[in-house]
Protein backbone atom coordinates (compact mmCIF):
# COMPACT_ATOMS: atom_id res chain seq x y z
CA MET A 1 0.03 -0.03 0.01
CA PHE A 2 1.01 3.57 -0.64
CA GLU A 3 3.30 5.32 1.87
CA ARG A 4 3.02 9.14 1.87
CA PRO A 5 6.15 11.04 1.00
CA GLU A 6 7.28 13.94 3.17
CA GLY A 7 7.68 16.48 0.29
CA GLY A 8 5.98 17.28 -2.74
CA GLU A 9 5.01 20.93 -3.73
CA LYS A 10 5.02 20.31 -7.62
CA ALA A 11 1.31 19.87 -8.26
CA ILE A 12 -1.23 19.15 -10.97
CA ALA A 13 -4.53 20.97 -10.82
CA VAL A 14 -7.52 18.76 -11.74
CA HIS A 15 -10.52 20.83 -12.67
CA ILE A 16 -13.86 18.97 -12.25
CA GLY A 17 -17.04 20.01 -14.04
CA ILE A 18 -20.30 18.10 -13.47
CA GLY A 19 -22.51 18.31 -16.38
CA GLY A 20 -19.94 20.22 -18.52
CA ALA A 21 -16.47 21.85 -18.60
CA PRO A 22 -15.76 24.03 -15.54
CA GLY A 23 -15.80 27.83 -16.10
CA GLN A 24 -12.54 29.70 -16.53
CA ASP A 25 -13.25 31.81 -13.50
CA ALA A 26 -13.51 28.77 -11.25
CA ARG A 27 -10.25 27.33 -12.72
CA THR A 28 -8.38 30.51 -12.31
CA GLU A 29 -9.52 30.88 -8.61
CA PHE A 30 -8.55 27.33 -7.80
CA GLU A 31 -5.14 27.72 -9.30
CA SER A 32 -4.68 30.99 -7.24
CA LEU A 33 -5.61 28.98 -4.21
CA ALA A 34 -2.91 26.40 -5.15
CA VAL A 35 -0.20 29.17 -5.49
CA ALA A 36 -1.36 30.74 -2.14
CA ALA A 37 -0.72 27.36 -0.55
CA GLY A 38 2.79 27.30 -1.88
CA ALA A 39 2.34 24.85 -4.70
CA GLU A 40 4.14 25.05 -8.03
CA LEU A 41 1.73 24.17 -10.74
CA ALA A 42 3.39 21.69 -13.20
CA GLY A 43 0.19 20.97 -15.21
CA ARG A 44 -3.60 20.91 -15.28
CA LEU A 45 -6.25 18.62 -16.41
CA VAL A 46 -9.82 19.48 -17.19
CA CYS A 47 -12.37 16.80 -16.53
CA PRO A 48 -15.99 17.41 -17.63
CA LEU A 49 -18.19 14.65 -16.20
CA ARG A 50 -21.74 13.51 -16.81
CA SER A 51 -21.90 12.26 -13.26
CA PRO A 52 -19.24 11.61 -10.50
CA ASN A 53 -17.57 8.11 -10.49
CA PRO A 54 -18.22 6.75 -6.93
CA ARG A 55 -14.79 5.07 -6.92
CA HIS A 56 -12.36 7.63 -8.30
CA LEU A 57 -14.64 10.67 -9.05
CA ILE A 58 -13.22 10.63 -12.67
CA GLY A 59 -13.42 7.91 -15.17
CA ARG A 60 -10.79 5.41 -16.07
CA GLY A 61 -9.64 7.24 -19.23
CA LYS A 62 -9.16 10.50 -17.32
CA LEU A 63 -7.34 8.64 -14.55
CA ASP A 64 -4.89 7.19 -17.01
CA GLU A 65 -4.41 10.58 -18.61
CA LEU A 66 -3.77 12.02 -15.13
CA ARG A 67 -1.24 9.28 -14.24
CA ALA A 68 0.67 10.02 -17.54
CA LEU A 69 0.65 13.78 -16.94
CA ALA A 70 2.04 13.27 -13.45
CA GLU A 71 4.80 10.96 -14.75
CA GLU A 72 5.73 13.48 -17.48
CA THR A 73 5.86 16.46 -15.14
CA CYS A 74 7.38 14.67 -12.19
CA ALA A 75 4.59 15.95 -10.03
CA SER A 76 4.20 14.57 -6.51
CA LEU A 77 0.80 16.27 -5.57
CA ILE A 78 -2.59 16.13 -7.13
CA LEU A 79 -5.01 19.01 -6.29
CA VAL A 80 -8.71 18.28 -7.13
CA ASN A 81 -11.05 21.26 -7.56
CA HIS A 82 -13.98 19.37 -6.07
CA SER A 83 -14.91 17.70 -2.83
CA LEU A 84 -13.73 14.10 -2.41
CA THR A 85 -15.19 11.48 -0.21
CA PRO A 86 -12.60 9.67 2.00
CA GLY A 87 -12.87 6.61 -0.18
CA GLN A 88 -12.36 8.49 -3.40
CA GLU A 89 -9.33 10.24 -1.98
CA ARG A 90 -7.88 6.88 -0.89
CA ASN A 91 -8.59 5.17 -4.21
CA LEU A 92 -7.02 8.00 -6.17
CA GLU A 93 -3.82 7.88 -4.04
CA ARG A 94 -3.57 4.13 -4.52
CA ALA A 95 -4.07 4.38 -8.27
CA LEU A 96 -1.65 7.34 -8.73
CA GLN A 97 0.87 6.62 -5.86
CA LEU A 98 0.76 10.37 -5.14
CA ARG A 99 -0.74 12.52 -2.52
CA VAL A 100 -4.24 13.89 -3.32
CA ILE A 101 -5.88 16.92 -1.81
CA ASP A 102 -9.43 18.12 -2.59
CA ARG A 103 -10.61 21.70 -2.44
CA ALA A 104 -11.56 21.71 1.24
CA GLY A 105 -8.20 20.26 2.27
CA LEU A 106 -6.43 22.83 0.17
CA ILE A 107 -8.30 25.81 1.82
CA LEU A 108 -7.63 24.29 5.22
CA ASP A 109 -4.01 24.25 4.35
CA ILE A 110 -4.00 27.95 3.37
CA PHE A 111 -5.75 28.82 6.63
CA ALA A 112 -3.06 26.99 8.61
CA LEU A 113 -0.48 28.90 6.73
CA ARG A 114 -2.14 32.35 7.41
CA ALA A 115 -3.19 31.95 11.02
CA ARG A 116 -1.08 34.19 13.32
CA THR A 117 -2.95 34.67 16.59
CA PHE A 118 -3.59 32.04 19.25
CA GLU A 119 -7.28 31.81 18.58
CA GLY A 120 -6.82 31.66 14.85
CA LYS A 121 -4.27 28.75 15.22
CA LEU A 122 -6.73 26.98 17.47
CA GLN A 123 -9.69 27.39 15.01
CA VAL A 124 -7.58 26.20 12.05
CA GLU A 125 -6.32 23.11 14.04
CA LEU A 126 -9.91 22.26 15.01
CA ALA A 127 -11.07 22.47 11.42
CA GLN A 128 -8.13 20.33 10.18
CA LEU A 129 -8.74 17.61 12.81
CA GLU A 130 -12.51 17.59 12.04
CA HIS A 131 -11.56 17.01 8.36
CA LEU A 132 -8.92 14.48 9.18
CA SER A 133 -11.08 12.32 11.58
CA THR A 134 -13.03 11.11 8.48
CA ARG A 135 -9.86 10.34 6.47
CA LEU A 136 -7.78 8.20 8.76
CA VAL A 137 -8.16 5.05 6.52
CA ARG A 138 -6.23 6.51 3.52
CA GLY A 139 -2.92 5.46 2.15
CA TRP A 140 -1.16 5.01 5.51
CA THR A 141 0.11 1.33 5.87
CA HIS A 142 1.33 1.72 9.45
CA LEU A 143 -2.19 2.75 10.63
CA GLU A 144 -3.43 -0.69 9.74
CA ARG A 145 -0.76 -2.59 11.60
CA GLN A 146 -1.15 -3.76 15.18
CA LYS A 147 1.39 -2.70 17.74
CA GLY A 148 4.00 -5.36 18.48
CA GLY A 149 7.25 -5.88 20.31
CA ILE A 150 8.21 -7.40 23.60
CA GLY A 151 5.52 -6.91 26.17
CA LEU A 152 3.06 -5.58 23.54
CA ARG A 153 2.23 -8.77 21.70
CA GLY A 154 -1.37 -10.18 21.76
CA PRO A 155 -4.61 -8.29 21.93
CA GLY A 156 -4.43 -4.59 21.71
CA GLU A 157 -5.69 -1.67 19.73
CA THR A 158 -4.44 -0.98 16.21
CA GLN A 159 -2.56 2.21 15.36
CA LEU A 160 -5.65 3.41 13.51
CA GLU A 161 -7.70 3.06 16.70
CA THR A 162 -5.10 4.80 18.69
CA ASP A 163 -4.95 7.79 16.31
CA ARG A 164 -8.72 8.02 16.33
CA ARG A 165 -8.74 8.20 20.16
CA LEU A 166 -6.00 10.72 20.29
CA ILE A 167 -7.67 12.93 17.64
CA GLY A 168 -10.99 12.65 19.74
CA GLN A 169 -9.20 13.72 22.81
CA ARG A 170 -7.52 16.58 21.11
CA LEU A 171 -10.83 17.75 19.49
CA ARG A 172 -12.49 17.88 22.95
CA GLN A 173 -9.45 19.86 24.27
CA LEU A 174 -9.66 22.41 21.39
CA LYS A 175 -13.50 22.81 21.76
CA GLY A 176 -13.07 23.52 25.40
CA ARG A 177 -10.46 26.30 24.71
CA MET A 178 -12.62 27.68 21.93
CA SER A 179 -15.60 27.79 24.29
CA ARG A 180 -13.56 29.77 26.81
CA LEU A 181 -12.35 32.17 24.10
CA ALA A 182 -15.95 32.55 22.90
CA SER A 183 -17.04 33.57 26.43
CA ARG A 184 -14.32 36.26 26.41
CA ARG A 185 -15.58 37.54 23.09
CA ASP A 186 -19.14 37.61 24.45
CA LEU A 187 -17.94 39.70 27.43
CA GLY A 188 -16.34 42.11 25.02
CA ARG A 189 -19.42 42.49 22.88
CA ALA A 190 -21.57 42.96 26.05
CA GLN A 191 -19.23 45.74 27.17
CA ARG A 192 -19.45 47.50 23.79
CA ARG A 193 -23.21 47.22 23.92
CA LYS A 194 -23.24 48.63 27.40
CA GLN A 195 -21.26 51.63 26.23
CA SER A 196 -23.57 51.95 23.19
CA MET A 197 -20.73 51.12 20.86
CA PRO A 198 -22.20 49.54 17.69
CA THR A 199 -20.16 47.17 15.55
CA VAL A 200 -20.00 47.49 11.79
CA SER A 201 -18.51 44.35 10.09
CA LEU A 202 -16.77 44.17 6.80
CA VAL A 203 -17.60 41.03 4.81
CA GLY A 204 -16.87 40.02 1.20
CA TYR A 205 -15.08 37.66 -1.10
CA THR A 206 -11.45 37.06 -0.47
CA ASN A 207 -9.13 39.56 -2.14
CA ALA A 208 -11.93 42.06 -2.72
CA GLY A 209 -10.07 44.77 -0.81
CA LYS A 210 -11.59 44.60 2.74
CA SER A 211 -8.22 44.96 4.50
CA THR A 212 -7.27 47.85 2.27
CA LEU A 213 -10.51 49.61 3.08
CA PHE A 214 -10.08 48.81 6.78
CA ASN A 215 -6.64 50.35 6.88
CA ARG A 216 -8.01 53.36 4.99
CA LEU A 217 -10.77 53.90 7.45
CA THR A 218 -8.90 53.19 10.73
CA SER A 219 -5.27 53.96 9.93
CA ALA A 220 -4.53 50.37 10.96
CA ASP A 221 -1.68 48.26 9.55
CA VAL A 222 -3.49 45.08 8.62
CA MET A 223 -1.55 43.04 6.16
CA VAL A 224 -2.55 43.74 2.56
CA ALA A 225 -1.44 41.56 -0.37
CA ASP A 226 -2.76 40.60 -3.71
CA GLN A 227 -3.50 36.97 -2.80
CA LEU A 228 -6.38 34.89 -1.48
CA PHE A 229 -6.75 34.75 2.30
CA ALA A 230 -3.89 37.31 2.82
CA THR A 231 -5.54 38.05 6.29
CA LEU A 232 -7.19 35.44 8.46
CA ASP A 233 -7.46 36.67 12.05
CA PRO A 234 -10.19 39.24 12.75
CA THR A 235 -9.25 42.74 13.70
CA LEU A 236 -11.33 45.26 15.53
CA ARG A 237 -10.70 49.08 15.59
CA ARG A 238 -12.57 52.15 16.75
CA LEU A 239 -13.93 54.26 13.90
CA GLU A 240 -14.83 57.86 14.06
CA LEU A 241 -18.00 58.88 12.16
CA PRO A 242 -19.28 62.41 11.11
CA ALA A 243 -20.87 64.54 13.83
CA GLY A 244 -18.72 62.94 16.54
CA ALA A 245 -20.27 59.42 16.48
CA GLU A 246 -18.22 56.32 16.91
CA CYS A 247 -18.41 52.56 16.18
CA VAL A 248 -16.26 49.57 16.20
CA LEU A 249 -15.15 48.27 12.69
CA ALA A 250 -14.40 44.62 12.33
CA ASP A 251 -12.37 43.18 9.55
CA THR A 252 -13.18 39.46 9.11
CA VAL A 253 -11.83 36.56 7.03
CA GLY A 254 -12.72 36.64 3.37
CA PHE A 255 -15.24 34.24 2.07
CA VAL A 256 -14.88 31.96 -0.93
CA SER A 257 -17.19 29.66 -2.87
CA ASP A 258 -17.75 26.22 -1.46
CA LEU A 259 -16.25 27.24 1.97
CA PRO A 260 -15.52 23.94 3.79
CA HIS A 261 -18.18 23.30 6.51
CA GLU A 262 -15.37 22.48 8.93
CA LEU A 263 -14.12 26.02 8.65
CA VAL A 264 -17.58 27.49 9.27
CA ALA A 265 -18.00 25.35 12.36
CA ALA A 266 -14.55 26.04 13.70
CA PHE A 267 -14.82 29.84 13.15
CA GLN A 268 -18.05 30.28 15.02
CA SER A 269 -16.60 32.55 17.65
CA THR A 270 -14.95 34.77 15.06
CA LEU A 271 -18.10 34.92 12.88
CA GLU A 272 -20.05 36.06 16.00
CA GLU A 273 -18.49 39.43 15.23
CA THR A 274 -20.44 39.39 11.96
CA ARG A 275 -23.66 37.97 13.35
CA GLY A 276 -23.69 40.52 16.17
CA ALA A 277 -22.98 43.58 14.01
CA ARG A 278 -25.51 46.31 13.64
CA LEU A 279 -24.52 46.86 10.01
CA LEU A 280 -22.70 44.73 7.35
CA LEU A 281 -20.58 46.45 4.67
CA HIS A 282 -20.28 43.94 1.79
CA VAL A 283 -17.05 44.80 -0.03
CA ILE A 284 -17.13 43.86 -3.64
CA ASP A 285 -14.44 44.12 -6.32
CA ALA A 286 -16.14 46.26 -8.93
CA SER A 287 -13.72 45.28 -11.55
CA ASP A 288 -14.08 41.56 -11.16
CA PRO A 289 -15.83 40.14 -14.21
CA ALA A 290 -17.46 37.43 -11.95
CA ARG A 291 -18.57 39.87 -9.38
CA ASP A 292 -22.31 38.72 -9.51
CA LYS A 293 -21.11 35.19 -8.72
CA ARG A 294 -18.98 36.52 -5.96
CA ILE A 295 -21.88 38.37 -4.51
CA ALA A 296 -24.02 35.29 -4.56
CA ASP A 297 -21.33 33.27 -2.82
CA VAL A 298 -20.97 35.74 -0.07
CA GLU A 299 -24.73 35.85 0.44
CA ASP A 300 -24.74 32.06 0.64
CA VAL A 301 -22.15 32.17 3.49
CA LEU A 302 -23.99 34.89 5.24
CA HIS A 303 -27.17 32.71 5.15
CA GLU A 304 -25.18 29.74 6.46
CA ILE A 305 -23.75 31.58 9.49
CA GLY A 306 -27.19 33.21 10.27
CA ALA A 307 -26.28 36.82 9.31
CA ASP A 308 -28.40 37.33 6.25
CA HIS A 309 -31.13 39.20 8.10
CA LEU A 310 -28.84 42.06 9.09
CA PRO A 311 -28.88 45.56 7.41
CA LEU A 312 -26.26 45.52 4.61
CA VAL A 313 -24.73 48.08 2.33
CA GLN A 314 -22.83 46.91 -0.81
CA VAL A 315 -19.50 48.68 -1.14
CA PHE A 316 -18.19 48.52 -4.67
CA ASN A 317 -14.42 48.83 -4.40
CA LYS A 318 -11.84 49.51 -7.05
CA ALA A 319 -14.34 51.79 -8.88
CA ASP A 320 -11.37 53.85 -10.19
CA ILE A 321 -10.31 50.75 -12.33
CA LEU A 322 -13.64 51.05 -14.18
CA GLY A 323 -13.20 54.88 -14.37
CA ALA A 324 -16.31 55.41 -12.08
CA ASP A 325 -16.68 58.32 -9.85
CA PRO A 326 -17.55 57.85 -6.18
CA ARG A 327 -21.35 57.84 -5.72
CA VAL A 328 -24.26 56.36 -3.65
CA ASP A 329 -27.03 54.34 -5.08
CA HIS A 330 -30.33 54.50 -3.06
CA ALA A 331 -33.04 51.96 -2.64
CA ASP A 332 -36.68 52.70 -3.23
CA THR A 333 -37.15 53.60 0.43
CA GLY A 334 -34.41 56.37 0.10
CA MET A 335 -31.82 54.58 2.19
CA PRO A 336 -28.28 54.02 0.78
CA ARG A 337 -27.92 50.64 -0.88
CA ARG A 338 -24.59 50.87 -2.75
CA VAL A 339 -21.48 52.89 -2.37
CA TRP A 340 -18.90 53.20 -5.09
CA LEU A 341 -15.34 54.07 -3.99
CA SER A 342 -11.62 53.24 -4.24
CA ALA A 343 -9.99 52.09 -1.08
CA ALA A 344 -6.55 52.39 -2.63
CA THR A 345 -6.96 56.08 -3.49
CA GLY A 346 -9.38 57.06 -0.76
CA ALA A 347 -11.88 58.53 -3.19
CA GLY A 348 -15.37 58.09 -1.85
CA VAL A 349 -14.31 56.96 1.73
CA ASP A 350 -15.89 60.04 3.12
CA VAL A 351 -19.17 59.22 1.47
CA LEU A 352 -19.12 55.65 3.03
CA LEU A 353 -18.58 57.18 6.51
CA GLY A 354 -21.76 59.34 6.00
CA VAL A 355 -23.70 56.28 4.88
CA VAL A 356 -22.58 54.39 7.98
CA ALA A 357 -23.50 57.22 10.25
CA GLN A 358 -26.92 57.41 8.68
CA TYR A 359 -27.62 53.72 9.20
CA LEU A 360 -26.51 53.77 12.71
CA HIS A 361 -28.55 56.90 13.52
CA GLN A 362 -31.60 55.28 12.08
CA ASP A 363 -31.06 52.26 14.33
CA ILE A 364 -30.99 54.20 17.65
CA VAL A 365 -34.04 54.79 19.77
CA ARG A 366 -34.20 57.61 22.27
CA GLY A 367 -36.79 58.32 24.96
CA THR A 368 -37.90 58.72 28.57
CA VAL A 369 -38.84 55.76 30.67
CA ARG A 370 -40.86 56.02 33.93
CA LEU A 371 -40.43 53.05 36.32
CA ASP A 372 -42.12 52.46 39.59
CA ILE A 373 -40.37 50.98 42.67
CA SER A 374 -41.30 47.39 41.76
CA GLU A 375 -39.47 47.59 38.39
CA GLY A 376 -35.92 47.47 39.66
CA ARG A 377 -35.09 44.56 37.40
CA LEU A 378 -36.06 46.50 34.27
CA ARG A 379 -33.91 49.48 35.53
CA SER A 380 -30.93 47.10 35.89
CA LEU A 381 -31.55 45.80 32.32
CA LEU A 382 -31.55 49.35 30.96
CA TYR A 383 -28.24 50.15 32.64
CA ASN A 384 -26.80 46.99 31.10
CA ARG A 385 -28.17 47.31 27.55
CA ALA A 386 -28.69 51.11 27.07
CA GLN A 387 -26.91 54.34 27.63
CA VAL A 388 -28.61 56.16 30.48
CA LEU A 389 -28.26 59.86 29.75
CA SER A 390 -29.85 60.94 33.06
CA GLU A 391 -31.87 59.57 35.98
CA THR A 392 -34.31 61.32 38.32
CA GLU A 393 -35.86 59.77 41.48
CA LEU A 394 -39.57 60.24 41.71
CA ALA A 395 -41.57 61.07 44.76
CA ASP A 396 -43.16 57.59 44.96
CA GLY A 397 -39.75 55.92 44.96
CA GLY A 398 -39.61 55.19 41.32
CA TRP A 399 -37.36 56.57 38.57
CA ARG A 400 -37.40 58.57 35.39
CA LEU A 401 -34.59 57.66 32.93
CA ASP A 402 -33.55 59.31 29.69
CA VAL A 403 -32.00 56.58 27.55
CA GLU A 404 -30.53 55.72 24.23
CA LEU A 405 -30.52 52.08 23.10
CA ASP A 406 -30.18 49.87 20.08
CA ARG A 407 -33.51 49.32 18.24
CA ARG A 408 -33.19 45.55 18.55
CA ASP A 409 -32.76 45.84 22.36
CA TYR A 410 -35.69 48.23 22.44
CA GLU A 411 -37.93 45.82 20.57
CA SER A 412 -36.74 42.89 22.79
CA LEU A 413 -37.38 44.81 26.07
CA ARG A 414 -40.80 46.07 24.69
CA ARG A 415 -41.97 42.54 24.01
CA ARG A 416 -40.50 40.86 27.17
CA GLU A 417 -40.57 43.58 29.83
CA ASN A 418 -43.46 45.68 28.54
CA LEU A 419 -40.98 48.59 28.13
CA SER A 420 -42.65 51.73 26.97
CA PHE A 421 -41.39 55.26 26.54
CA ALA A 422 -43.18 58.19 28.13
CA ALA A 423 -42.59 60.29 25.00
CA ALA A 424 -41.00 58.67 21.94
CA GLU A 425 -41.92 58.17 18.42
CA PRO A 426 -42.60 54.46 17.60
CA PRO A 427 -39.49 52.85 16.03
CA ASP A 428 -39.59 52.53 12.27
CA HIS A 429 -37.72 49.81 10.38
CA THR A 430 -36.61 51.91 7.35
CA ALA A 431 -32.99 50.89 7.72
CA ARG A 432 -33.83 47.19 7.97
CA SER A 433 -36.43 47.18 5.12
CA ALA A 434 -33.95 48.85 2.69
CA ASN A 435 -32.41 45.49 2.20
């Protein structure tokens, strides 16, 4: 049986198309992923399929063609632009006598390369082990042998069973650490809410220019490079808005089509920054010929992580490449829907700040609350969730509070605690309905 070699960065990219040849955009993106992982592309093979082969994914003819191409180029790694079952991956490695990595495994490898912070490394390791746990019966002959030697002969667990047990133990350990880190993030978000500090999250397809825009807005020094997943770890910075308002701007990991489910599961705590945001800025590469497909891919990921209900403004970056001037497109409701700008030159950034301020202002409720002496619990909740501008003790022992709070908190307290303002306009949902 096949023993895995230690090296092997010279790779062949295998592009799979079900029902027809894969598109050029998908092929270019996958090869960019391969380069980002450090592979040297020695060749490529396009495989249009009527239906997947359950044994090798590709048919026998394409398998022979791939074997010949690998021998001709002296490649030692096969990268498949499709998801492979553990059985298909094992069978391909046996047939080719080469390492085989599918799309999910390649993305996981890039994430492992990019992770810098302690939490980012934990998240990537968790995702990799989740992925590996289903693939322990691959081309590893030593995993199928039973332990032997003096004192170890006789009944005992195989190396494969030992590895499964050790991976299970490590997964439990990592999930425990991630749970504690998630608790810390929750405390940070709660503190920001208490201080009435809303969060605005940048989302978008990888390499759309999120980090460039983040640096432009906050004068930060987040790494910027013309490559996929250049930045992985989330970064939060205070952002000053017009009229003295402030918010927290979050730069998150870029999305990509067919994002591995292991990554989505492992990055739950990081993605909480997106789910808990008051506004999403969807950064789009305006010059990308496949931008409509990229927009759909990001919307799919937002739906998967439960953030598709949040107010969202599309930010068309790199408008200067198209020769377009900075501008704002409005929805039928009158609220901004799209902003065209250039993060590289800074043109239109001031327009975006005005749009963010407008959305956040629409999402704040202000009013006066009168509470009697029996409503101490509601008073405590208001101090935790709202900004109490002033408080006056009433003659009957109650309180009158002037407060500002997030519209979602207002709606929640109104439903659950019968909160009502003594003098306040009913909240409207213009900002939310605009999307």
